[in-house]
Amino acid sequence: MGITIEDVAERAGVSTATVSRVFNGKGRIAEDTRERVLGVASEMGYSPRKYNKKVNMKNIAVINHKWVNSETPLTAFYSRIVEGMEEVFKKDNFQLMIKTLNEDKKQNKKIAENIIENNNYRGIVIIGYEIEEYIIKKIKENKNLPMIFIDNENFSSDDTLINDNFKGTLQLAEHLIERGHKNIAFIGGPHNHLSLYKRYMGYKYVLEQAGIYNEKICFRGESCFNLEGGYKTAHKIFENYDNVTAIMAANDYTALGVLKAAQELGIQVPGEIAITGFDDIMMSRHSHPPLTTVRVFKKKMGKMAANRLLELIENKKNVDINVDVEKKVFRVETVIRGSTVGNKSE
């Protein structure tokens, strides 16, 4: 039996009506509730079946990965991208079929085979670096469909949309140095995820240029990359490196874990420790103090990906049309708030 709207509602802690409104785009829904529902739906592999009664179904396979656990910040990050795609695709009666991979290779292989064998798919969206290459190659070798990658630039033969992760952390590091910080720690995710690696490299580049880079206060890996990881790593920093005056986190969830640890220990933010994140999730705007971060235009990215895939699908019908591969790097925006500059909030 497949995942139902009731299953999603129970896991997200909301009513089935709320889940329905999130996917239908009707009614007023709080942004944090919308993010939670979309995140849970993505994690569980739930797809709303709005068009199942239509004779000529037009499906888009959206493949992402559960990552490490249900607390991953990537769940909410990618759910906003999916929301943007949904708004575009539903206008042309395309149905998004979300395929969430995990650590079970046998199950992942079945998902790939299902996509290959199903003739109703018109295009494929690959989201994130976590999806193993053999899955992508298997689909590409057996299914000649338009494909677009989001937050994954490993396949240069296909259209790609990524964020300017390097510039984002570069600007945050420059902001902290301008505020007088010299001992700036970094908490990030595993380097096999290129977006996260670039966030680390933006930080490293600026600190090296300033002559203040210190490898000992850089913490990276799966164990760091969520709220709990940020909380535990912050305790490690506070207990062993009392000269650290600022901590940069590779995402907002990790940064909020750092903030929680600082508050429990009575460390003043930003008086004694400045904290920055990345992504500008809704929670970062309402923390105390609000979080300095990098705004990523996730929903806009999803809309652009959908429009581009529709263009590729249309061009596929016209076999004489050659379409050049596009790589789009989305600008990011630094948002300075109270976690680095006192009570100022933007």
C-alpha atoms as a PDB file:
ATOM      1  CA  MET A   1       0.000   0.000   0.000  1.00  0.00           C
ATOM      2  CA  GLY A   2       1.360   3.427  -0.958  1.00  0.00           C
ATOM      3  CA  ILE A   3       1.856   6.438   1.261  1.00  0.00           C
ATOM      4  CA  THR A   4      -1.433   8.276   1.862  1.00  0.00           C
ATOM      5  CA  ILE A   5      -2.309  11.848   2.738  1.00  0.00           C
ATOM      6  CA  GLU A   6      -3.266  10.561   6.196  1.00  0.00           C
ATOM      7  CA  ASP A   7       0.249   9.157   6.673  1.00  0.00           C
ATOM      8  CA  VAL A   8       1.800  12.509   5.807  1.00  0.00           C
ATOM      9  CA  ALA A   9      -0.596  14.393   8.077  1.00  0.00           C
ATOM     10  CA  GLU A  10       0.159  12.105  11.032  1.00  0.00           C
ATOM     11  CA  ARG A  11       3.948  12.375  10.585  1.00  0.00           C
ATOM     12  CA  ALA A  12       3.814  16.174  10.158  1.00  0.00           C
ATOM     13  CA  GLY A  13       1.442  16.630  13.093  1.00  0.00           C
ATOM     14  CA  VAL A  14      -1.245  18.428  11.064  1.00  0.00           C
ATOM     15  CA  SER A  15      -4.689  17.653   9.680  1.00  0.00           C
ATOM     16  CA  THR A  16      -5.296  16.024   6.300  1.00  0.00           C
ATOM     17  CA  ALA A  17      -7.028  19.253   5.258  1.00  0.00           C
ATOM     18  CA  THR A  18      -3.806  21.162   5.920  1.00  0.00           C
ATOM     19  CA  VAL A  19      -1.794  18.719   3.803  1.00  0.00           C
ATOM     20  CA  SER A  20      -4.362  19.049   1.033  1.00  0.00           C
ATOM     21  CA  ARG A  21      -4.176  22.865   1.134  1.00  0.00           C
ATOM     22  CA  VAL A  22      -0.378  22.761   0.955  1.00  0.00           C
ATOM     23  CA  PHE A  23      -0.442  20.726  -2.255  1.00  0.00           C
ATOM     24  CA  ASN A  24      -3.453  22.482  -3.782  1.00  0.00           C
ATOM     25  CA  GLY A  25      -2.017  25.920  -3.093  1.00  0.00           C
ATOM     26  CA  LYS A  26      -5.346  27.011  -1.606  1.00  0.00           C
ATOM     27  CA  GLY A  27      -5.954  28.754   1.685  1.00  0.00           C
ATOM     28  CA  ARG A  28      -3.514  30.437   4.045  1.00  0.00           C
ATOM     29  CA  ILE A  29      -0.792  28.210   5.439  1.00  0.00           C
ATOM     30  CA  ALA A  30       2.016  29.317   7.794  1.00  0.00           C
ATOM     31  CA  GLU A  31       5.375  29.126   6.037  1.00  0.00           C
ATOM     32  CA  ASP A  32       6.957  26.859   8.672  1.00  0.00           C
ATOM     33  CA  THR A  33       3.956  24.487   8.430  1.00  0.00           C
ATOM     34  CA  ARG A  34       4.235  24.422   4.641  1.00  0.00           C
ATOM     35  CA  GLU A  35       7.961  23.618   4.878  1.00  0.00           C
ATOM     36  CA  ARG A  36       7.314  20.837   7.415  1.00  0.00           C
ATOM     37  CA  VAL A  37       4.553  19.203   5.338  1.00  0.00           C
ATOM     38  CA  LEU A  38       6.564  19.359   2.104  1.00  0.00           C
ATOM     39  CA  GLY A  39       9.634  18.034   3.897  1.00  0.00           C
ATOM     40  CA  VAL A  40       7.729  15.088   5.389  1.00  0.00           C
ATOM     41  CA  ALA A  41       6.057  14.350   2.045  1.00  0.00           C
ATOM     42  CA  SER A  42       9.426  14.361   0.286  1.00  0.00           C
ATOM     43  CA  GLU A  43      10.993  12.124   2.931  1.00  0.00           C
ATOM     44  CA  MET A  44       8.119   9.613   2.763  1.00  0.00           C
ATOM     45  CA  GLY A  45       7.983   9.631  -1.037  1.00  0.00           C
ATOM     46  CA  TYR A  46       4.401  10.908  -1.132  1.00  0.00           C
ATOM     47  CA  SER A  47       3.022  12.461  -4.333  1.00  0.00           C
ATOM     48  CA  PRO A  48      -0.436  14.062  -4.561  1.00  0.00           C
ATOM     49  CA  ARG A  49      -2.498  12.208  -7.126  1.00  0.00           C
ATOM     50  CA  LYS A  50      -4.380  15.119  -8.649  1.00  0.00           C
ATOM     51  CA  TYR A  51      -4.339  13.825 -12.190  1.00  0.00           C
ATOM     52  CA  ASN A  52      -4.631  10.093 -11.769  1.00  0.00           C
ATOM     53  CA  LYS A  53      -8.106  10.042 -13.333  1.00  0.00           C
ATOM     54  CA  LYS A  54      -6.855  11.554 -16.551  1.00  0.00           C
ATOM     55  CA  VAL A  55      -6.439   9.168 -19.460  1.00  0.00           C
ATOM     56  CA  ASN A  56      -3.183  10.679 -20.701  1.00  0.00           C
ATOM     57  CA  MET A  57      -1.093  11.047 -17.573  1.00  0.00           C
ATOM     58  CA  LYS A  58       2.004  13.222 -17.848  1.00  0.00           C
ATOM     59  CA  ASN A  59       4.447  12.448 -15.088  1.00  0.00           C
ATOM     60  CA  ILE A  60       7.686  14.118 -14.055  1.00  0.00           C
ATOM     61  CA  ALA A  61      10.017  11.979 -11.933  1.00  0.00           C
ATOM     62  CA  VAL A  62      11.651  13.996  -9.163  1.00  0.00           C
ATOM     63  CA  ILE A  63      14.507  12.012  -7.618  1.00  0.00           C
ATOM     64  CA  ASN A  64      16.049  13.098  -4.336  1.00  0.00           C
ATOM     65  CA  HIS A  65      17.636  11.386  -1.358  1.00  0.00           C
ATOM     66  CA  LYS A  66      16.609  10.949   2.256  1.00  0.00           C
ATOM     67  CA  TRP A  67      20.240  11.841   3.153  1.00  0.00           C
ATOM     68  CA  VAL A  68      21.169  10.583   6.616  1.00  0.00           C
ATOM     69  CA  ASN A  69      18.033  10.921   8.731  1.00  0.00           C
ATOM     70  CA  SER A  70      14.729  12.734   9.026  1.00  0.00           C
ATOM     71  CA  GLU A  71      16.376  15.715  10.739  1.00  0.00           C
ATOM     72  CA  THR A  72      18.448  16.686   7.725  1.00  0.00           C
ATOM     73  CA  PRO A  73      18.257  20.364   6.742  1.00  0.00           C
ATOM     74  CA  LEU A  74      18.256  19.283   3.106  1.00  0.00           C
ATOM     75  CA  THR A  75      14.711  17.955   3.474  1.00  0.00           C
ATOM     76  CA  ALA A  76      13.270  21.455   3.963  1.00  0.00           C
ATOM     77  CA  PHE A  77      15.724  22.953   1.461  1.00  0.00           C
ATOM     78  CA  TYR A  78      14.657  20.653  -1.352  1.00  0.00           C
ATOM     79  CA  SER A  79      10.966  20.762  -0.438  1.00  0.00           C
ATOM     80  CA  ARG A  80      10.860  24.463  -1.308  1.00  0.00           C
ATOM     81  CA  ILE A  81      12.400  23.674  -4.689  1.00  0.00           C
ATOM     82  CA  VAL A  82       9.724  21.020  -5.267  1.00  0.00           C
ATOM     83  CA  GLU A  83       7.027  23.529  -4.296  1.00  0.00           C
ATOM     84  CA  GLY A  84       8.269  25.909  -6.990  1.00  0.00           C
ATOM     85  CA  MET A  85       8.239  23.160  -9.591  1.00  0.00           C
ATOM     86  CA  GLU A  86       4.754  22.099  -8.588  1.00  0.00           C
ATOM     87  CA  GLU A  87       3.373  25.583  -9.274  1.00  0.00           C
ATOM     88  CA  VAL A  88       4.701  25.514 -12.834  1.00  0.00           C
ATOM     89  CA  PHE A  89       3.974  21.908 -13.771  1.00  0.00           C
ATOM     90  CA  LYS A  90       0.388  21.815 -12.521  1.00  0.00           C
ATOM     91  CA  LYS A  91      -0.583  24.521 -15.044  1.00  0.00           C
ATOM     92  CA  ASP A  92       0.122  22.009 -17.834  1.00  0.00           C
ATOM     93  CA  ASN A  93      -1.362  19.055 -15.919  1.00  0.00           C
ATOM     94  CA  PHE A  94       1.986  17.458 -15.214  1.00  0.00           C
ATOM     95  CA  GLN A  95       2.112  15.367 -12.076  1.00  0.00           C
ATOM     96  CA  LEU A  96       5.249  15.261  -9.934  1.00  0.00           C
ATOM     97  CA  MET A  97       6.179  11.753  -8.856  1.00  0.00           C
ATOM     98  CA  ILE A  98       8.642  12.166  -5.999  1.00  0.00           C
ATOM     99  CA  LYS A  99      11.117   9.302  -5.697  1.00  0.00           C
ATOM    100  CA  THR A 100      13.083   9.428  -2.466  1.00  0.00           C
ATOM    101  CA  LEU A 101      16.162   7.212  -2.379  1.00  0.00           C
ATOM    102  CA  ASN A 102      17.874   6.032   0.805  1.00  0.00           C
ATOM    103  CA  GLU A 103      20.726   3.764   1.917  1.00  0.00           C
ATOM    104  CA  ASP A 104      18.969   0.620   0.627  1.00  0.00           C
ATOM    105  CA  LYS A 105      20.627  -0.047  -2.773  1.00  0.00           C
ATOM    106  CA  LYS A 106      18.181  -2.812  -3.642  1.00  0.00           C
ATOM    107  CA  GLN A 107      15.218  -0.511  -3.067  1.00  0.00           C
ATOM    108  CA  ASN A 108      16.916   2.295  -5.017  1.00  0.00           C
ATOM    109  CA  LYS A 109      17.448  -0.069  -7.945  1.00  0.00           C
ATOM    110  CA  LYS A 110      13.731  -0.903  -7.932  1.00  0.00           C
ATOM    111  CA  ILE A 111      12.867   2.797  -8.044  1.00  0.00           C
ATOM    112  CA  ALA A 112      15.168   3.283 -11.049  1.00  0.00           C
ATOM    113  CA  GLU A 113      13.637   0.274 -12.813  1.00  0.00           C
ATOM    114  CA  ASN A 114      10.133   1.621 -12.171  1.00  0.00           C
ATOM    115  CA  ILE A 115      11.046   4.905 -13.850  1.00  0.00           C
ATOM    116  CA  ILE A 116      12.599   3.077 -16.800  1.00  0.00           C
ATOM    117  CA  GLU A 117       9.613   0.776 -17.300  1.00  0.00           C
ATOM    118  CA  ASN A 118       6.912   3.440 -16.873  1.00  0.00           C
ATOM    119  CA  ASN A 119       5.997   5.023 -20.219  1.00  0.00           C
ATOM    120  CA  ASN A 120       4.072   7.904 -18.660  1.00  0.00           C
ATOM    121  CA  TYR A 121       7.178   9.883 -17.669  1.00  0.00           C
ATOM    122  CA  ARG A 122       7.963  12.947 -19.786  1.00  0.00           C
ATOM    123  CA  GLY A 123      11.016  14.257 -17.937  1.00  0.00           C
ATOM    124  CA  ILE A 124      13.271  13.767 -14.931  1.00  0.00           C
ATOM    125  CA  VAL A 125      14.569  16.128 -12.239  1.00  0.00           C
ATOM    126  CA  ILE A 126      17.577  15.060 -10.167  1.00  0.00           C
ATOM    127  CA  ILE A 127      17.994  16.979  -6.898  1.00  0.00           C
ATOM    128  CA  GLY A 128      21.213  16.898  -4.872  1.00  0.00           C
ATOM    129  CA  TYR A 129      24.591  15.172  -4.847  1.00  0.00           C
ATOM    130  CA  GLU A 130      23.525  12.316  -2.590  1.00  0.00           C
ATOM    131  CA  ILE A 131      22.123  10.177  -5.401  1.00  0.00           C
ATOM    132  CA  GLU A 132      24.665   7.559  -6.435  1.00  0.00           C
ATOM    133  CA  GLU A 133      25.983   7.825  -9.984  1.00  0.00           C
ATOM    134  CA  TYR A 134      25.055   4.284 -10.951  1.00  0.00           C
ATOM    135  CA  ILE A 135      21.347   5.128 -10.456  1.00  0.00           C
ATOM    136  CA  ILE A 136      21.566   8.164 -12.722  1.00  0.00           C
ATOM    137  CA  LYS A 137      23.619   6.335 -15.359  1.00  0.00           C
ATOM    138  CA  LYS A 138      21.206   3.391 -15.336  1.00  0.00           C
ATOM    139  CA  ILE A 139      18.271   5.699 -16.017  1.00  0.00           C
ATOM    140  CA  LYS A 140      20.125   7.708 -18.680  1.00  0.00           C
ATOM    141  CA  GLU A 141      21.216   4.557 -20.509  1.00  0.00           C
ATOM    142  CA  ASN A 142      17.715   3.085 -20.595  1.00  0.00           C
ATOM    143  CA  LYS A 143      15.419   6.101 -20.739  1.00  0.00           C
ATOM    144  CA  ASN A 144      15.858   8.804 -23.356  1.00  0.00           C
ATOM    145  CA  LEU A 145      14.086  11.614 -21.514  1.00  0.00           C
ATOM    146  CA  PRO A 146      14.854  15.296 -20.911  1.00  0.00           C
ATOM    147  CA  MET A 147      16.725  15.572 -17.620  1.00  0.00           C
ATOM    148  CA  ILE A 148      17.712  18.514 -15.446  1.00  0.00           C
ATOM    149  CA  PHE A 149      19.905  18.623 -12.339  1.00  0.00           C
ATOM    150  CA  ILE A 150      19.393  20.880  -9.329  1.00  0.00           C
ATOM    151  CA  ASP A 151      22.192  21.351  -6.788  1.00  0.00           C
ATOM    152  CA  ASN A 152      24.311  18.792  -8.630  1.00  0.00           C
ATOM    153  CA  GLU A 153      26.852  19.706 -11.312  1.00  0.00           C
ATOM    154  CA  ASN A 154      28.488  16.311 -11.752  1.00  0.00           C
ATOM    155  CA  PHE A 155      26.827  15.677 -15.128  1.00  0.00           C
ATOM    156  CA  SER A 156      27.988  18.411 -17.495  1.00  0.00           C
ATOM    157  CA  SER A 157      26.051  16.890 -20.421  1.00  0.00           C
ATOM    158  CA  ASP A 158      22.745  17.930 -18.837  1.00  0.00           C
ATOM    159  CA  ASP A 159      21.147  21.200 -17.759  1.00  0.00           C
ATOM    160  CA  THR A 160      22.154  22.242 -14.247  1.00  0.00           C
ATOM    161  CA  LEU A 161      20.955  24.783 -11.680  1.00  0.00           C
ATOM    162  CA  ILE A 162      23.164  25.534  -8.667  1.00  0.00           C
ATOM    163  CA  ASN A 163      23.591  28.267  -6.064  1.00  0.00           C
ATOM    164  CA  ASP A 164      26.677  30.441  -5.667  1.00  0.00           C
ATOM    165  CA  ASN A 165      27.669  28.696  -2.455  1.00  0.00           C
ATOM    166  CA  PHE A 166      31.287  29.873  -2.568  1.00  0.00           C
ATOM    167  CA  LYS A 167      30.333  33.541  -2.757  1.00  0.00           C
ATOM    168  CA  GLY A 168      27.778  33.162   0.027  1.00  0.00           C
ATOM    169  CA  THR A 169      30.233  32.054   2.710  1.00  0.00           C
ATOM    170  CA  LEU A 170      32.915  34.363   1.293  1.00  0.00           C
ATOM    171  CA  GLN A 171      30.683  37.359   1.985  1.00  0.00           C
ATOM    172  CA  LEU A 172      29.765  36.121   5.462  1.00  0.00           C
ATOM    173  CA  ALA A 173      33.432  35.616   6.362  1.00  0.00           C
ATOM    174  CA  GLU A 174      34.262  39.118   5.117  1.00  0.00           C
ATOM    175  CA  HIS A 175      31.411  40.490   7.249  1.00  0.00           C
ATOM    176  CA  LEU A 176      32.786  38.811  10.379  1.00  0.00           C
ATOM    177  CA  ILE A 177      36.335  40.005   9.740  1.00  0.00           C
ATOM    178  CA  GLU A 178      35.039  43.546   9.251  1.00  0.00           C
ATOM    179  CA  ARG A 179      33.424  43.187  12.693  1.00  0.00           C
ATOM    180  CA  GLY A 180      36.866  42.441  14.143  1.00  0.00           C
ATOM    181  CA  HIS A 181      36.690  38.636  14.431  1.00  0.00           C
ATOM    182  CA  LYS A 182      39.927  36.680  13.962  1.00  0.00           C
ATOM    183  CA  ASN A 183      39.186  33.258  15.445  1.00  0.00           C
ATOM    184  CA  ILE A 184      36.292  32.077  13.311  1.00  0.00           C
ATOM    185  CA  ALA A 185      35.241  28.414  13.527  1.00  0.00           C
ATOM    186  CA  PHE A 186      33.374  26.555  10.786  1.00  0.00           C
ATOM    187  CA  ILE A 187      30.838  23.737  11.075  1.00  0.00           C
ATOM    188  CA  GLY A 188      29.892  22.075   7.796  1.00  0.00           C
ATOM    189  CA  GLY A 189      28.718  18.957   6.033  1.00  0.00           C
ATOM    190  CA  PRO A 190      30.588  16.175   4.218  1.00  0.00           C
ATOM    191  CA  HIS A 191      32.809  17.231   1.326  1.00  0.00           C
ATOM    192  CA  ASN A 192      31.417  14.674  -1.113  1.00  0.00           C
ATOM    193  CA  HIS A 193      28.488  17.091  -1.388  1.00  0.00           C
ATOM    194  CA  LEU A 194      30.014  19.719  -3.693  1.00  0.00           C
ATOM    195  CA  SER A 195      27.687  22.524  -2.609  1.00  0.00           C
ATOM    196  CA  LEU A 196      28.734  22.064   1.002  1.00  0.00           C
ATOM    197  CA  TYR A 197      32.380  21.816   0.002  1.00  0.00           C
ATOM    198  CA  LYS A 198      32.123  25.144  -1.836  1.00  0.00           C
ATOM    199  CA  ARG A 199      30.607  26.746   1.260  1.00  0.00           C
ATOM    200  CA  TYR A 200      33.628  25.593   3.222  1.00  0.00           C
ATOM    201  CA  MET A 201      36.006  26.803   0.490  1.00  0.00           C
ATOM    202  CA  GLY A 202      34.462  30.298   0.476  1.00  0.00           C
ATOM    203  CA  TYR A 203      35.119  30.531   4.207  1.00  0.00           C
ATOM    204  CA  LYS A 204      38.626  29.100   3.884  1.00  0.00           C
ATOM    205  CA  TYR A 205      39.614  31.412   1.022  1.00  0.00           C
ATOM    206  CA  VAL A 206      38.772  34.604   2.930  1.00  0.00           C
ATOM    207  CA  LEU A 207      40.447  33.476   6.147  1.00  0.00           C
ATOM    208  CA  GLU A 208      43.584  32.385   4.314  1.00  0.00           C
ATOM    209  CA  GLN A 209      43.762  35.738   2.548  1.00  0.00           C
ATOM    210  CA  ALA A 210      43.533  37.419   5.947  1.00  0.00           C
ATOM    211  CA  GLY A 211      46.142  35.066   7.432  1.00  0.00           C
ATOM    212  CA  ILE A 212      43.807  33.739  10.121  1.00  0.00           C
ATOM    213  CA  TYR A 213      42.736  30.305   8.811  1.00  0.00           C
ATOM    214  CA  ASN A 214      42.962  27.571  11.454  1.00  0.00           C
ATOM    215  CA  GLU A 215      42.211  23.986  10.399  1.00  0.00           C
ATOM    216  CA  LYS A 216      41.797  22.937  14.043  1.00  0.00           C
ATOM    217  CA  ILE A 217      38.548  24.854  14.383  1.00  0.00           C
ATOM    218  CA  CYS A 218      36.956  23.482  11.189  1.00  0.00           C
ATOM    219  CA  PHE A 219      34.473  20.676  11.804  1.00  0.00           C
ATOM    220  CA  ARG A 220      32.920  18.854   8.849  1.00  0.00           C
ATOM    221  CA  GLY A 221      30.992  15.651   8.212  1.00  0.00           C
ATOM    222  CA  GLU A 222      27.569  14.055   8.419  1.00  0.00           C
ATOM    223  CA  SER A 223      27.626  14.154  12.226  1.00  0.00           C
ATOM    224  CA  CYS A 224      27.792  17.961  12.142  1.00  0.00           C
ATOM    225  CA  PHE A 225      25.183  18.610   9.515  1.00  0.00           C
ATOM    226  CA  ASN A 226      21.907  19.214  11.371  1.00  0.00           C
ATOM    227  CA  LEU A 227      20.575  20.961  14.466  1.00  0.00           C
ATOM    228  CA  GLU A 228      21.772  18.256  16.858  1.00  0.00           C
ATOM    229  CA  GLY A 229      25.152  18.139  15.157  1.00  0.00           C
ATOM    230  CA  GLY A 230      25.538  21.896  15.434  1.00  0.00           C
ATOM    231  CA  TYR A 231      24.558  21.731  19.105  1.00  0.00           C
ATOM    232  CA  LYS A 232      27.091  19.014  19.953  1.00  0.00           C
ATOM    233  CA  THR A 233      29.895  20.524  17.878  1.00  0.00           C
ATOM    234  CA  ALA A 234      29.321  23.939  19.463  1.00  0.00           C
ATOM    235  CA  HIS A 235      29.730  22.388  22.920  1.00  0.00           C
ATOM    236  CA  LYS A 236      33.030  20.904  21.731  1.00  0.00           C
ATOM    237  CA  ILE A 237      34.188  24.307  20.512  1.00  0.00           C
ATOM    238  CA  PHE A 238      33.118  26.140  23.662  1.00  0.00           C
ATOM    239  CA  GLU A 239      34.827  23.559  25.883  1.00  0.00           C
ATOM    240  CA  ASN A 240      38.134  23.437  23.993  1.00  0.00           C
ATOM    241  CA  TYR A 241      38.605  26.718  22.110  1.00  0.00           C
ATOM    242  CA  ASP A 242      37.723  29.654  24.351  1.00  0.00           C
ATOM    243  CA  ASN A 243      39.403  32.095  21.952  1.00  0.00           C
ATOM    244  CA  VAL A 244      36.780  31.499  19.231  1.00  0.00           C
ATOM    245  CA  THR A 245      34.566  34.589  18.835  1.00  0.00           C
ATOM    246  CA  ALA A 246      32.504  33.562  15.805  1.00  0.00           C
ATOM    247  CA  ILE A 247      31.096  30.350  14.356  1.00  0.00           C
ATOM    248  CA  MET A 248      30.015  29.951  10.740  1.00  0.00           C
ATOM    249  CA  ALA A 249      27.658  27.044  10.006  1.00  0.00           C
ATOM    250  CA  ALA A 250      27.039  25.587   6.549  1.00  0.00           C
ATOM    251  CA  ASN A 251      23.254  25.824   7.003  1.00  0.00           C
ATOM    252  CA  ASP A 252      20.711  27.448   9.274  1.00  0.00           C
ATOM    253  CA  TYR A 253      19.704  24.283  11.122  1.00  0.00           C
ATOM    254  CA  THR A 254      23.285  23.724  12.240  1.00  0.00           C
ATOM    255  CA  ALA A 255      23.573  27.393  13.211  1.00  0.00           C
ATOM    256  CA  LEU A 256      20.403  27.150  15.294  1.00  0.00           C
ATOM    257  CA  GLY A 257      21.955  24.190  17.113  1.00  0.00           C
ATOM    258  CA  VAL A 258      24.994  26.385  17.862  1.00  0.00           C
ATOM    259  CA  LEU A 259      22.694  29.139  19.127  1.00  0.00           C
ATOM    260  CA  LYS A 260      20.906  26.692  21.416  1.00  0.00           C
ATOM    261  CA  ALA A 261      24.208  25.514  22.919  1.00  0.00           C
ATOM    262  CA  ALA A 262      25.385  29.093  23.481  1.00  0.00           C
ATOM    263  CA  GLN A 263      22.152  30.044  25.215  1.00  0.00           C
ATOM    264  CA  GLU A 264      22.271  27.003  27.508  1.00  0.00           C
ATOM    265  CA  LEU A 265      25.808  27.907  28.542  1.00  0.00           C
ATOM    266  CA  GLY A 266      24.936  31.552  29.135  1.00  0.00           C
ATOM    267  CA  ILE A 267      27.160  32.765  26.276  1.00  0.00           C
ATOM    268  CA  GLN A 268      25.953  36.086  24.898  1.00  0.00           C
ATOM    269  CA  VAL A 269      25.127  36.241  21.189  1.00  0.00           C
ATOM    270  CA  PRO A 270      26.585  38.244  19.534  1.00  0.00           C
ATOM    271  CA  GLY A 271      28.429  39.867  22.479  1.00  0.00           C
ATOM    272  CA  GLU A 272      30.635  36.848  23.190  1.00  0.00           C
ATOM    273  CA  ILE A 273      30.044  34.704  20.121  1.00  0.00           C
ATOM    274  CA  ALA A 274      28.747  35.659  16.655  1.00  0.00           C
ATOM    275  CA  ILE A 275      26.865  32.998  14.673  1.00  0.00           C
ATOM    276  CA  THR A 276      26.017  32.723  10.964  1.00  0.00           C
ATOM    277  CA  GLY A 277      24.054  30.182   8.935  1.00  0.00           C
ATOM    278  CA  PHE A 278      23.161  29.583   5.297  1.00  0.00           C
ATOM    279  CA  ASP A 279      19.803  29.156   3.430  1.00  0.00           C
ATOM    280  CA  ASP A 280      17.587  31.709   5.259  1.00  0.00           C
ATOM    281  CA  ILE A 281      14.919  29.261   6.391  1.00  0.00           C
ATOM    282  CA  MET A 282      11.851  30.677   8.122  1.00  0.00           C
ATOM    283  CA  MET A 283      13.090  29.678  11.601  1.00  0.00           C
ATOM    284  CA  SER A 284      16.244  31.771  11.175  1.00  0.00           C
ATOM    285  CA  ARG A 285      14.155  34.945  11.028  1.00  0.00           C
ATOM    286  CA  HIS A 286      12.378  34.201  14.293  1.00  0.00           C
ATOM    287  CA  SER A 287      15.199  32.883  16.469  1.00  0.00           C
ATOM    288  CA  HIS A 288      16.484  35.000  19.366  1.00  0.00           C
ATOM    289  CA  PRO A 289      18.494  36.776  18.177  1.00  0.00           C
ATOM    290  CA  PRO A 290      17.546  36.449  14.485  1.00  0.00           C
ATOM    291  CA  LEU A 291      20.203  34.662  12.466  1.00  0.00           C
ATOM    292  CA  THR A 292      22.654  36.285  10.067  1.00  0.00           C
ATOM    293  CA  THR A 293      22.608  34.036   7.022  1.00  0.00           C
ATOM    294  CA  VAL A 294      22.676  33.709   3.233  1.00  0.00           C
ATOM    295  CA  ARG A 295      19.381  33.839   1.385  1.00  0.00           C
ATOM    296  CA  VAL A 296      18.955  31.154  -1.263  1.00  0.00           C
ATOM    297  CA  PHE A 297      16.082  31.534  -3.710  1.00  0.00           C
ATOM    298  CA  LYS A 298      14.868  27.935  -3.515  1.00  0.00           C
ATOM    299  CA  LYS A 299      11.345  28.336  -4.863  1.00  0.00           C
ATOM    300  CA  LYS A 300      12.578  30.473  -7.762  1.00  0.00           C
ATOM    301  CA  MET A 301      15.110  27.765  -8.561  1.00  0.00           C
ATOM    302  CA  GLY A 302      12.318  25.186  -8.689  1.00  0.00           C
ATOM    303  CA  LYS A 303      10.231  27.334 -11.011  1.00  0.00           C
ATOM    304  CA  MET A 304      13.140  27.919 -13.369  1.00  0.00           C
ATOM    305  CA  ALA A 305      13.962  24.207 -13.408  1.00  0.00           C
ATOM    306  CA  ALA A 306      10.355  23.364 -14.262  1.00  0.00           C
ATOM    307  CA  ASN A 307      10.141  25.930 -17.045  1.00  0.00           C
ATOM    308  CA  ARG A 308      13.424  24.734 -18.516  1.00  0.00           C
ATOM    309  CA  LEU A 309      12.335  21.088 -18.390  1.00  0.00           C
ATOM    310  CA  LEU A 310       9.058  21.960 -20.133  1.00  0.00           C
ATOM    311  CA  GLU A 311      11.119  23.650 -22.839  1.00  0.00           C
ATOM    312  CA  LEU A 312      13.265  20.537 -23.231  1.00  0.00           C
ATOM    313  CA  ILE A 313      10.168  18.328 -23.366  1.00  0.00           C
ATOM    314  CA  GLU A 314       8.640  20.496 -26.079  1.00  0.00           C
ATOM    315  CA  ASN A 315      11.867  20.538 -28.094  1.00  0.00           C
ATOM    316  CA  LYS A 316      12.097  16.750 -27.843  1.00  0.00           C
ATOM    317  CA  LYS A 317       8.905  16.581 -29.908  1.00  0.00           C
ATOM    318  CA  ASN A 318      10.650  18.550 -32.635  1.00  0.00           C
ATOM    319  CA  VAL A 319      13.542  16.242 -33.460  1.00  0.00           C
ATOM    320  CA  ASP A 320      15.243  18.780 -35.734  1.00  0.00           C
ATOM    321  CA  ILE A 321      15.780  21.271 -32.900  1.00  0.00           C
ATOM    322  CA  ASN A 322      19.142  21.178 -31.116  1.00  0.00           C
ATOM    323  CA  VAL A 323      19.109  22.685 -27.628  1.00  0.00           C
ATOM    324  CA  ASP A 324      22.336  23.776 -25.971  1.00  0.00           C
ATOM    325  CA  VAL A 325      23.009  22.560 -22.441  1.00  0.00           C
ATOM    326  CA  GLU A 326      22.582  25.348 -19.872  1.00  0.00           C
ATOM    327  CA  LYS A 327      24.263  25.832 -16.505  1.00  0.00           C
ATOM    328  CA  LYS A 328      22.613  28.444 -14.303  1.00  0.00           C
ATOM    329  CA  VAL A 329      24.365  29.724 -11.170  1.00  0.00           C
ATOM    330  CA  PHE A 330      21.867  31.464  -8.909  1.00  0.00           C
ATOM    331  CA  ARG A 331      22.971  34.540  -7.037  1.00  0.00           C
ATOM    332  CA  VAL A 332      22.671  34.473  -3.259  1.00  0.00           C
ATOM    333  CA  GLU A 333      22.041  37.339  -0.874  1.00  0.00           C
ATOM    334  CA  THR A 334      23.712  38.053   2.473  1.00  0.00           C
ATOM    335  CA  VAL A 335      21.198  38.858   5.219  1.00  0.00           C
ATOM    336  CA  ILE A 336      22.678  40.578   8.291  1.00  0.00           C
ATOM    337  CA  ARG A 337      20.702  40.079  11.499  1.00  0.00           C
ATOM    338  CA  GLY A 338      21.117  40.162  15.242  1.00  0.00           C
ATOM    339  CA  SER A 339      23.334  37.093  15.687  1.00  0.00           C
ATOM    340  CA  THR A 340      26.324  39.137  14.440  1.00  0.00           C
ATOM    341  CA  VAL A 341      25.397  42.801  14.925  1.00  0.00           C
ATOM    342  CA  GLY A 342      23.453  43.176  18.159  1.00  0.00           C
ATOM    343  CA  ASN A 343      19.810  44.085  17.855  1.00  0.00           C
ATOM    344  CA  LYS A 344      19.839  44.994  14.185  1.00  0.00           C
ATOM    345  CA  SER A 345      17.463  42.816  12.198  1.00  0.00           C
ATOM    346  CA  GLU A 346      16.614  42.896   8.506  1.00  0.00           C
END
